[in-house]
Structures are given as C-alpha cells and as structure tokens.
Amino acid sequence: ISSGKIFGDGAWGIYVFHQTLIPTPEVKEEGLVDLESRFLRWTQQTPESLTARVALAEFYIGYAWRARGGGYANTVSAEQWKVFRER
C-alpha cells in the first residue's frame, strides 16, 4: 500500500484500500458499532499510522452519510440531519 501503486484505471492503490473500509449498506447498525471500535483500536495501537487515522476518518464519513441518506438535501429529515452532524 505504501508503494504508491496505481491501477490500470489510474486509481491509487491506497485510495482503493480506503474505499473498502467504508461501511456498505448491507452492514447493520450493530455491525457499525463493531467497526468503529475496531478502527479506534487500530488507531490507538498504532498512533503513528497515517493509514489507520485516514481509515477511521473514512469510516466516520460513511457512517454520517448512512444517517443522512443519499437523497436531495430538501428530502432529508431534521432527525437525519441531527444524526449526520453528530456522526
């Protein structure tokens, strides 16, 4: 991953790796809590790791968007916005 690998389509290897860490819609809410604890543990165990911190950030971005949903802003409920901001 640290080699700077670029795939045939021009995607950076590290970007593709980080995308695999974003929770998919199939992951249930309780699974997200488990994923969060794993990412937190990874960052705590390897505080010098930039990859661990970026992975945690990517997780939080995906987690927030899970609450908001993918619709237009005017279709997002007040409760969805609240959870989005909290996450």
PDB file of N, CA and C in Angstrom:
ATOM      1  N   ILE A   1       0.828  -1.192   0.000  1.00  0.00           N
ATOM      2  CA  ILE A   1       0.000   0.000   0.000  1.00  0.00           C
ATOM      3  C   ILE A   1       0.867   1.248   0.000  1.00  0.00           C
ATOM      4  N   SER A   2       1.955   1.241   0.726  1.00  0.00           N
ATOM      5  CA  SER A   2       2.805   2.431   0.772  1.00  0.00           C
ATOM      6  C   SER A   2       3.685   2.562  -0.467  1.00  0.00           C
ATOM      7  N   SER A   3       3.551   1.622  -1.415  1.00  0.00           N
ATOM      8  CA  SER A   3       4.412   1.631  -2.589  1.00  0.00           C
ATOM      9  C   SER A   3       4.023   2.682  -3.617  1.00  0.00           C
ATOM     10  N   GLY A   4       2.854   3.304  -3.455  1.00  0.00           N
ATOM     11  CA  GLY A   4       2.401   4.274  -4.442  1.00  0.00           C
ATOM     12  C   GLY A   4       1.815   3.603  -5.671  1.00  0.00           C
ATOM     13  N   LYS A   5       1.337   2.381  -5.521  1.00  0.00           N
ATOM     14  CA  LYS A   5       0.782   1.617  -6.649  1.00  0.00           C
ATOM     15  C   LYS A   5      -0.391   2.353  -7.280  1.00  0.00           C
ATOM     16  N   ILE A   6      -0.407   2.345  -8.602  1.00  0.00           N
ATOM     17  CA  ILE A   6      -1.513   2.907  -9.372  1.00  0.00           C
ATOM     18  C   ILE A   6      -2.059   1.785 -10.248  1.00  0.00           C
ATOM     19  N   PHE A   7      -3.373   1.603 -10.211  1.00  0.00           N
ATOM     20  CA  PHE A   7      -4.015   0.572 -11.017  1.00  0.00           C
ATOM     21  C   PHE A   7      -4.152   1.036 -12.459  1.00  0.00           C
ATOM     22  N   GLY A   8      -4.505   0.104 -13.339  1.00  0.00           N
ATOM     23  CA  GLY A   8      -4.630   0.385 -14.763  1.00  0.00           C
ATOM     24  C   GLY A   8      -5.622   1.486 -15.087  1.00  0.00           C
ATOM     25  N   ASP A   9      -6.636   1.649 -14.240  1.00  0.00           N
ATOM     26  CA  ASP A   9      -7.632   2.694 -14.487  1.00  0.00           C
ATOM     27  C   ASP A   9      -7.210   4.047 -13.912  1.00  0.00           C
ATOM     28  N   GLY A  10      -5.999   4.106 -13.358  1.00  0.00           N
ATOM     29  CA  GLY A  10      -5.484   5.359 -12.808  1.00  0.00           C
ATOM     30  C   GLY A  10      -5.758   5.560 -11.332  1.00  0.00           C
ATOM     31  N   ALA A  11      -6.474   4.635 -10.694  1.00  0.00           N
ATOM     32  CA  ALA A  11      -6.799   4.765  -9.268  1.00  0.00           C
ATOM     33  C   ALA A  11      -5.580   4.408  -8.425  1.00  0.00           C
ATOM     34  N   TRP A  12      -5.322   5.223  -7.411  1.00  0.00           N
ATOM     35  CA  TRP A  12      -4.236   4.936  -6.478  1.00  0.00           C
ATOM     36  C   TRP A  12      -4.619   3.756  -5.598  1.00  0.00           C
ATOM     37  N   GLY A  13      -3.695   2.862  -5.349  1.00  0.00           N
ATOM     38  CA  GLY A  13      -3.934   1.693  -4.513  1.00  0.00           C
ATOM     39  C   GLY A  13      -4.424   2.051  -3.132  1.00  0.00           C
ATOM     40  N   ILE A  14      -3.856   3.085  -2.534  1.00  0.00           N
ATOM     41  CA  ILE A  14      -4.242   3.477  -1.176  1.00  0.00           C
ATOM     42  C   ILE A  14      -5.682   3.976  -1.158  1.00  0.00           C
ATOM     43  N   TYR A  15      -6.111   4.661  -2.226  1.00  0.00           N
ATOM     44  CA  TYR A  15      -7.497   5.134  -2.312  1.00  0.00           C
ATOM     45  C   TYR A  15      -8.447   3.941  -2.390  1.00  0.00           C
ATOM     46  N   VAL A  16      -8.116   2.969  -3.222  1.00  0.00           N
ATOM     47  CA  VAL A  16      -8.950   1.778  -3.351  1.00  0.00           C
ATOM     48  C   VAL A  16      -9.028   1.056  -2.016  1.00  0.00           C
ATOM     49  N   PHE A  17      -7.906   0.953  -1.312  1.00  0.00           N
ATOM     50  CA  PHE A  17      -7.885   0.324   0.007  1.00  0.00           C
ATOM     51  C   PHE A  17      -8.824   1.046   0.954  1.00  0.00           C
ATOM     52  N   HIS A  18      -8.745   2.368   1.012  1.00  0.00           N
ATOM     53  CA  HIS A  18      -9.602   3.135   1.917  1.00  0.00           C
ATOM     54  C   HIS A  18     -11.078   2.970   1.562  1.00  0.00           C
ATOM     55  N   GLN A  19     -11.389   2.872   0.282  1.00  0.00           N
ATOM     56  CA  GLN A  19     -12.783   2.699  -0.120  1.00  0.00           C
ATOM     57  C   GLN A  19     -13.356   1.376   0.386  1.00  0.00           C
ATOM     58  N   THR A  20     -12.511   0.377   0.555  1.00  0.00           N
ATOM     59  CA  THR A  20     -13.001  -0.904   1.067  1.00  0.00           C
ATOM     60  C   THR A  20     -13.348  -0.814   2.549  1.00  0.00           C
ATOM     61  N   LEU A  21     -12.918   0.244   3.220  1.00  0.00           N
ATOM     62  CA  LEU A  21     -13.177   0.396   4.647  1.00  0.00           C
ATOM     63  C   LEU A  21     -14.482   1.121   4.948  1.00  0.00           C
ATOM     64  N   ILE A  22     -15.077   1.750   3.945  1.00  0.00           N
ATOM     65  CA  ILE A  22     -16.324   2.474   4.146  1.00  0.00           C
ATOM     66  C   ILE A  22     -17.448   1.457   4.289  1.00  0.00           C
ATOM     67  N   PRO A  23     -18.256   1.603   5.334  1.00  0.00           N
ATOM     68  CA  PRO A  23     -19.325   0.625   5.535  1.00  0.00           C
ATOM     69  C   PRO A  23     -20.344   0.637   4.401  1.00  0.00           C
ATOM     70  N   THR A  24     -20.684  -0.533   3.920  1.00  0.00           N
ATOM     71  CA  THR A  24     -21.665  -0.664   2.848  1.00  0.00           C
ATOM     72  C   THR A  24     -23.070  -0.698   3.455  1.00  0.00           C
ATOM     73  N   PRO A  25     -24.092  -0.473   2.634  1.00  0.00           N
ATOM     74  CA  PRO A  25     -25.472  -0.500   3.150  1.00  0.00           C
ATOM     75  C   PRO A  25     -25.865  -1.847   3.774  1.00  0.00           C
ATOM     76  N   GLU A  26     -25.180  -2.909   3.399  1.00  0.00           N
ATOM     77  CA  GLU A  26     -25.511  -4.230   3.938  1.00  0.00           C
ATOM     78  C   GLU A  26     -25.117  -4.383   5.404  1.00  0.00           C
ATOM     79  N   VAL A  27     -24.216  -3.545   5.888  1.00  0.00           N
ATOM     80  CA  VAL A  27     -23.759  -3.643   7.275  1.00  0.00           C
ATOM     81  C   VAL A  27     -24.848  -3.089   8.184  1.00  0.00           C
ATOM     82  N   LYS A  28     -25.296  -3.897   9.113  1.00  0.00           N
ATOM     83  CA  LYS A  28     -26.334  -3.489  10.063  1.00  0.00           C
ATOM     84  C   LYS A  28     -25.762  -2.491  11.072  1.00  0.00           C
ATOM     85  N   GLU A  29     -26.647  -1.775  11.748  1.00  0.00           N
ATOM     86  CA  GLU A  29     -26.236  -0.736  12.694  1.00  0.00           C
ATOM     87  C   GLU A  29     -25.313  -1.286  13.783  1.00  0.00           C
ATOM     88  N   GLU A  30     -25.618  -2.468  14.317  1.00  0.00           N
ATOM     89  CA  GLU A  30     -24.758  -3.046  15.358  1.00  0.00           C
ATOM     90  C   GLU A  30     -23.372  -3.408  14.802  1.00  0.00           C
ATOM     91  N   GLY A  31     -23.320  -3.744  13.524  1.00  0.00           N
ATOM     92  CA  GLY A  31     -22.030  -4.002  12.885  1.00  0.00           C
ATOM     93  C   GLY A  31     -21.201  -2.744  12.761  1.00  0.00           C
ATOM     94  N   LEU A  32     -21.872  -1.604  12.621  1.00  0.00           N
ATOM     95  CA  LEU A  32     -21.152  -0.333  12.539  1.00  0.00           C
ATOM     96  C   LEU A  32     -20.479   0.008  13.856  1.00  0.00           C
ATOM     97  N   VAL A  33     -21.137  -0.306  14.956  1.00  0.00           N
ATOM     98  CA  VAL A  33     -20.536  -0.071  16.275  1.00  0.00           C
ATOM     99  C   VAL A  33     -19.274  -0.916  16.422  1.00  0.00           C
ATOM    100  N   ASP A  34     -19.334  -2.155  15.955  1.00  0.00           N
ATOM    101  CA  ASP A  34     -18.167  -3.040  15.992  1.00  0.00           C
ATOM    102  C   ASP A  34     -17.046  -2.501  15.104  1.00  0.00           C
ATOM    103  N   LEU A  35     -17.402  -2.048  13.900  1.00  0.00           N
ATOM    104  CA  LEU A  35     -16.393  -1.479  13.003  1.00  0.00           C
ATOM    105  C   LEU A  35     -15.725  -0.257  13.620  1.00  0.00           C
ATOM    106  N   GLU A  36     -16.532   0.609  14.225  1.00  0.00           N
ATOM    107  CA  GLU A  36     -15.968   1.801  14.859  1.00  0.00           C
ATOM    108  C   GLU A  36     -14.960   1.413  15.942  1.00  0.00           C
ATOM    109  N   SER A  37     -15.314   0.444  16.774  1.00  0.00           N
ATOM    110  CA  SER A  37     -14.389   0.043  17.840  1.00  0.00           C
ATOM    111  C   SER A  37     -13.111  -0.558  17.267  1.00  0.00           C
ATOM    112  N   ARG A  38     -13.217  -1.273  16.157  1.00  0.00           N
ATOM    113  CA  ARG A  38     -12.015  -1.833  15.527  1.00  0.00           C
ATOM    114  C   ARG A  38     -11.099  -0.728  14.995  1.00  0.00           C
ATOM    115  N   PHE A  39     -11.698   0.278  14.329  1.00  0.00           N
ATOM    116  CA  PHE A  39     -10.895   1.383  13.807  1.00  0.00           C
ATOM    117  C   PHE A  39     -10.257   2.182  14.947  1.00  0.00           C
ATOM    118  N   LEU A  40     -11.010   2.412  16.014  1.00  0.00           N
ATOM    119  CA  LEU A  40     -10.453   3.132  17.163  1.00  0.00           C
ATOM    120  C   LEU A  40      -9.294   2.355  17.783  1.00  0.00           C
ATOM    121  N   ARG A  41      -9.474   1.051  17.915  1.00  0.00           N
ATOM    122  CA  ARG A  41      -8.406   0.209  18.477  1.00  0.00           C
ATOM    123  C   ARG A  41      -7.178   0.246  17.579  1.00  0.00           C
ATOM    124  N   TRP A  42      -7.367   0.211  16.256  1.00  0.00           N
ATOM    125  CA  TRP A  42      -6.258   0.263  15.305  1.00  0.00           C
ATOM    126  C   TRP A  42      -5.489   1.570  15.485  1.00  0.00           C
ATOM    127  N   THR A  43      -6.192   2.690  15.585  1.00  0.00           N
ATOM    128  CA  THR A  43      -5.502   3.977  15.740  1.00  0.00           C
ATOM    129  C   THR A  43      -4.805   4.083  17.094  1.00  0.00           C
ATOM    130  N   GLN A  44      -5.400   3.477  18.117  1.00  0.00           N
ATOM    131  CA  GLN A  44      -4.769   3.517  19.438  1.00  0.00           C
ATOM    132  C   GLN A  44      -3.524   2.632  19.504  1.00  0.00           C
ATOM    133  N   GLN A  45      -3.580   1.503  18.826  1.00  0.00           N
ATOM    134  CA  GLN A  45      -2.449   0.574  18.848  1.00  0.00           C
ATOM    135  C   GLN A  45      -1.303   1.024  17.953  1.00  0.00           C
ATOM    136  N   THR A  46      -1.609   1.817  16.936  1.00  0.00           N
ATOM    137  CA  THR A  46      -0.578   2.303  16.017  1.00  0.00           C
ATOM    138  C   THR A  46      -0.765   3.814  15.801  1.00  0.00           C
ATOM    139  N   PRO A  47      -0.529   4.612  16.844  1.00  0.00           N
ATOM    140  CA  PRO A  47      -0.793   6.051  16.749  1.00  0.00           C
ATOM    141  C   PRO A  47       0.032   6.764  15.675  1.00  0.00           C
ATOM    142  N   GLU A  48       1.122   6.177  15.240  1.00  0.00           N
ATOM    143  CA  GLU A  48       1.954   6.794  14.205  1.00  0.00           C
ATOM    144  C   GLU A  48       1.447   6.482  12.796  1.00  0.00           C
ATOM    145  N   SER A  49       0.453   5.628  12.691  1.00  0.00           N
ATOM    146  CA  SER A  49      -0.033   5.187  11.387  1.00  0.00           C
ATOM    147  C   SER A  49      -1.011   6.180  10.776  1.00  0.00           C
ATOM    148  N   LEU A  50      -0.598   6.809   9.692  1.00  0.00           N
ATOM    149  CA  LEU A  50      -1.487   7.695   8.956  1.00  0.00           C
ATOM    150  C   LEU A  50      -2.637   6.900   8.347  1.00  0.00           C
ATOM    151  N   THR A  51      -2.352   5.709   7.872  1.00  0.00           N
ATOM    152  CA  THR A  51      -3.379   4.874   7.260  1.00  0.00           C
ATOM    153  C   THR A  51      -4.500   4.560   8.246  1.00  0.00           C
ATOM    154  N   ALA A  52      -4.156   4.259   9.473  1.00  0.00           N
ATOM    155  CA  ALA A  52      -5.181   3.970  10.479  1.00  0.00           C
ATOM    156  C   ALA A  52      -6.060   5.184  10.722  1.00  0.00           C
ATOM    157  N   ARG A  53      -5.471   6.363  10.800  1.00  0.00           N
ATOM    158  CA  ARG A  53      -6.254   7.586  11.056  1.00  0.00           C
ATOM    159  C   ARG A  53      -7.132   7.956   9.872  1.00  0.00           C
ATOM    160  N   VAL A  54      -6.608   7.799   8.661  1.00  0.00           N
ATOM    161  CA  VAL A  54      -7.418   8.086   7.470  1.00  0.00           C
ATOM    162  C   VAL A  54      -8.554   7.070   7.366  1.00  0.00           C
ATOM    163  N   ALA A  55      -8.278   5.823   7.673  1.00  0.00           N
ATOM    164  CA  ALA A  55      -9.319   4.800   7.634  1.00  0.00           C
ATOM    165  C   ALA A  55     -10.432   5.125   8.626  1.00  0.00           C
ATOM    166  N   LEU A  56     -10.076   5.570   9.812  1.00  0.00           N
ATOM    167  CA  LEU A  56     -11.076   5.963  10.805  1.00  0.00           C
ATOM    168  C   LEU A  56     -11.898   7.139  10.293  1.00  0.00           C
ATOM    169  N   ALA A  57     -11.254   8.098   9.686  1.00  0.00           N
ATOM    170  CA  ALA A  57     -11.963   9.251   9.125  1.00  0.00           C
ATOM    171  C   ALA A  57     -12.906   8.812   8.005  1.00  0.00           C
ATOM    172  N   GLU A  58     -12.449   7.932   7.130  1.00  0.00           N
ATOM    173  CA  GLU A  58     -13.296   7.421   6.055  1.00  0.00           C
ATOM    174  C   GLU A  58     -14.515   6.696   6.633  1.00  0.00           C
ATOM    175  N   PHE A  59     -14.288   5.940   7.694  1.00  0.00           N
ATOM    176  CA  PHE A  59     -15.399   5.251   8.345  1.00  0.00           C
ATOM    177  C   PHE A  59     -16.414   6.270   8.847  1.00  0.00           C
ATOM    178  N   TYR A  60     -15.950   7.304   9.542  1.00  0.00           N
ATOM    179  CA  TYR A  60     -16.869   8.304  10.098  1.00  0.00           C
ATOM    180  C   TYR A  60     -17.638   9.044   9.003  1.00  0.00           C
ATOM    181  N   ILE A  61     -17.000   9.307   7.901  1.00  0.00           N
ATOM    182  CA  ILE A  61     -17.693   9.962   6.778  1.00  0.00           C
ATOM    183  C   ILE A  61     -18.811   9.051   6.265  1.00  0.00           C
ATOM    184  N   GLY A  62     -18.495   7.788   6.037  1.00  0.00           N
ATOM    185  CA  GLY A  62     -19.509   6.842   5.579  1.00  0.00           C
ATOM    186  C   GLY A  62     -20.617   6.636   6.593  1.00  0.00           C
ATOM    187  N   TYR A  63     -20.251   6.620   7.858  1.00  0.00           N
ATOM    188  CA  TYR A  63     -21.205   6.441   8.956  1.00  0.00           C
ATOM    189  C   TYR A  63     -22.176   7.626   9.009  1.00  0.00           C
ATOM    190  N   ALA A  64     -21.656   8.818   8.832  1.00  0.00           N
ATOM    191  CA  ALA A  64     -22.502  10.018   8.831  1.00  0.00           C
ATOM    192  C   ALA A  64     -23.454   9.994   7.639  1.00  0.00           C
ATOM    193  N   TRP A  65     -22.939   9.676   6.478  1.00  0.00           N
ATOM    194  CA  TRP A  65     -23.780   9.637   5.287  1.00  0.00           C
ATOM    195  C   TRP A  65     -24.830   8.544   5.381  1.00  0.00           C
ATOM    196  N   ARG A  66     -24.544   7.485   6.110  1.00  0.00           N
ATOM    197  CA  ARG A  66     -25.544   6.432   6.324  1.00  0.00           C
ATOM    198  C   ARG A  66     -26.765   7.032   7.008  1.00  0.00           C
ATOM    199  N   ALA A  67     -26.544   7.905   7.991  1.00  0.00           N
ATOM    200  CA  ALA A  67     -27.653   8.529   8.711  1.00  0.00           C
ATOM    201  C   ALA A  67     -28.400   9.523   7.829  1.00  0.00           C
ATOM    202  N   ARG A  68     -27.667  10.277   7.019  1.00  0.00           N
ATOM    203  CA  ARG A  68     -28.276  11.312   6.186  1.00  0.00           C
ATOM    204  C   ARG A  68     -29.058  10.727   5.033  1.00  0.00           C
ATOM    205  N   GLY A  69     -28.500   9.690   4.416  1.00  0.00           N
ATOM    206  CA  GLY A  69     -29.118   9.135   3.216  1.00  0.00           C
ATOM    207  C   GLY A  69     -28.589   9.852   1.991  1.00  0.00           C
ATOM    208  N   GLY A  70     -28.918   9.334   0.828  1.00  0.00           N
ATOM    209  CA  GLY A  70     -28.359   9.876  -0.406  1.00  0.00           C
ATOM    210  C   GLY A  70     -29.285  10.792  -1.181  1.00  0.00           C
ATOM    211  N   GLY A  71     -30.431  11.141  -0.598  1.00  0.00           N
ATOM    212  CA  GLY A  71     -31.383  11.984  -1.310  1.00  0.00           C
ATOM    213  C   GLY A  71     -30.954  13.438  -1.348  1.00  0.00           C
ATOM    214  N   TYR A  72     -31.747  14.229  -2.086  1.00  0.00           N
ATOM    215  CA  TYR A  72     -31.508  15.676  -2.122  1.00  0.00           C
ATOM    216  C   TYR A  72     -31.656  16.252  -0.718  1.00  0.00           C
ATOM    217  N   ALA A  73     -30.947  17.348  -0.459  1.00  0.00           N
ATOM    218  CA  ALA A  73     -30.940  17.950   0.879  1.00  0.00           C
ATOM    219  C   ALA A  73     -32.342  18.259   1.382  1.00  0.00           C
ATOM    220  N   ASN A  74     -33.231  18.686   0.494  1.00  0.00           N
ATOM    221  CA  ASN A  74     -34.571  19.049   0.946  1.00  0.00           C
ATOM    222  C   ASN A  74     -35.440  17.837   1.279  1.00  0.00           C
ATOM    223  N   THR A  75     -34.921  16.620   1.043  1.00  0.00           N
ATOM    224  CA  THR A  75     -35.668  15.408   1.392  1.00  0.00           C
ATOM    225  C   THR A  75     -35.158  14.779   2.686  1.00  0.00           C
ATOM    226  N   VAL A  76     -34.126  15.362   3.275  1.00  0.00           N
ATOM    227  CA  VAL A  76     -33.530  14.821   4.496  1.00  0.00           C
ATOM    228  C   VAL A  76     -34.283  15.387   5.696  1.00  0.00           C
ATOM    229  N   SER A  77     -34.721  14.500   6.583  1.00  0.00           N
ATOM    230  CA  SER A  77     -35.485  14.933   7.752  1.00  0.00           C
ATOM    231  C   SER A  77     -34.584  15.640   8.758  1.00  0.00           C
ATOM    232  N   ALA A  78     -35.208  16.381   9.661  1.00  0.00           N
ATOM    233  CA  ALA A  78     -34.462  17.069  10.718  1.00  0.00           C
ATOM    234  C   ALA A  78     -33.679  16.075  11.573  1.00  0.00           C
ATOM    235  N   GLU A  79     -34.287  14.921  11.841  1.00  0.00           N
ATOM    236  CA  GLU A  79     -33.609  13.900  12.648  1.00  0.00           C
ATOM    237  C   GLU A  79     -32.391  13.342  11.901  1.00  0.00           C
ATOM    238  N   GLN A  80     -32.524  13.114  10.600  1.00  0.00           N
ATOM    239  CA  GLN A  80     -31.388  12.625   9.815  1.00  0.00           C
ATOM    240  C   GLN A  80     -30.252  13.641   9.825  1.00  0.00           C
ATOM    241  N   TRP A  81     -30.570  14.933   9.671  1.00  0.00           N
ATOM    242  CA  TRP A  81     -29.533  15.973   9.725  1.00  0.00           C
ATOM    243  C   TRP A  81     -28.854  15.987  11.086  1.00  0.00           C
ATOM    244  N   LYS A  82     -29.633  15.816  12.146  1.00  0.00           N
ATOM    245  CA  LYS A  82     -29.083  15.832  13.508  1.00  0.00           C
ATOM    246  C   LYS A  82     -28.058  14.706  13.683  1.00  0.00           C
ATOM    247  N   VAL A  83     -28.441  13.498  13.280  1.00  0.00           N
ATOM    248  CA  VAL A  83     -27.537  12.344  13.426  1.00  0.00           C
ATOM    249  C   VAL A  83     -26.321  12.517  12.514  1.00  0.00           C
ATOM    250  N   PHE A  84     -26.532  13.030  11.306  1.00  0.00           N
ATOM    251  CA  PHE A  84     -25.443  13.299  10.376  1.00  0.00           C
ATOM    252  C   PHE A  84     -24.402  14.215  11.017  1.00  0.00           C
ATOM    253  N   ARG A  85     -24.853  15.313  11.610  1.00  0.00           N
ATOM    254  CA  ARG A  85     -23.920  16.252  12.258  1.00  0.00           C
ATOM    255  C   ARG A  85     -23.212  15.637  13.452  1.00  0.00           C
ATOM    256  N   GLU A  86     -23.938  14.831  14.231  1.00  0.00           N
ATOM    257  CA  GLU A  86     -23.332  14.184  15.398  1.00  0.00           C
ATOM    258  C   GLU A  86     -22.231  13.221  14.993  1.00  0.00           C
ATOM    259  N   ARG A  87     -22.493  12.502  13.926  1.00  0.00           N
ATOM    260  CA  ARG A  87     -21.511  11.496  13.494  1.00  0.00           C
ATOM    261  C   ARG A  87     -20.356  12.165  12.804  1.00  0.00           C
TER     262      ARG A  87
END
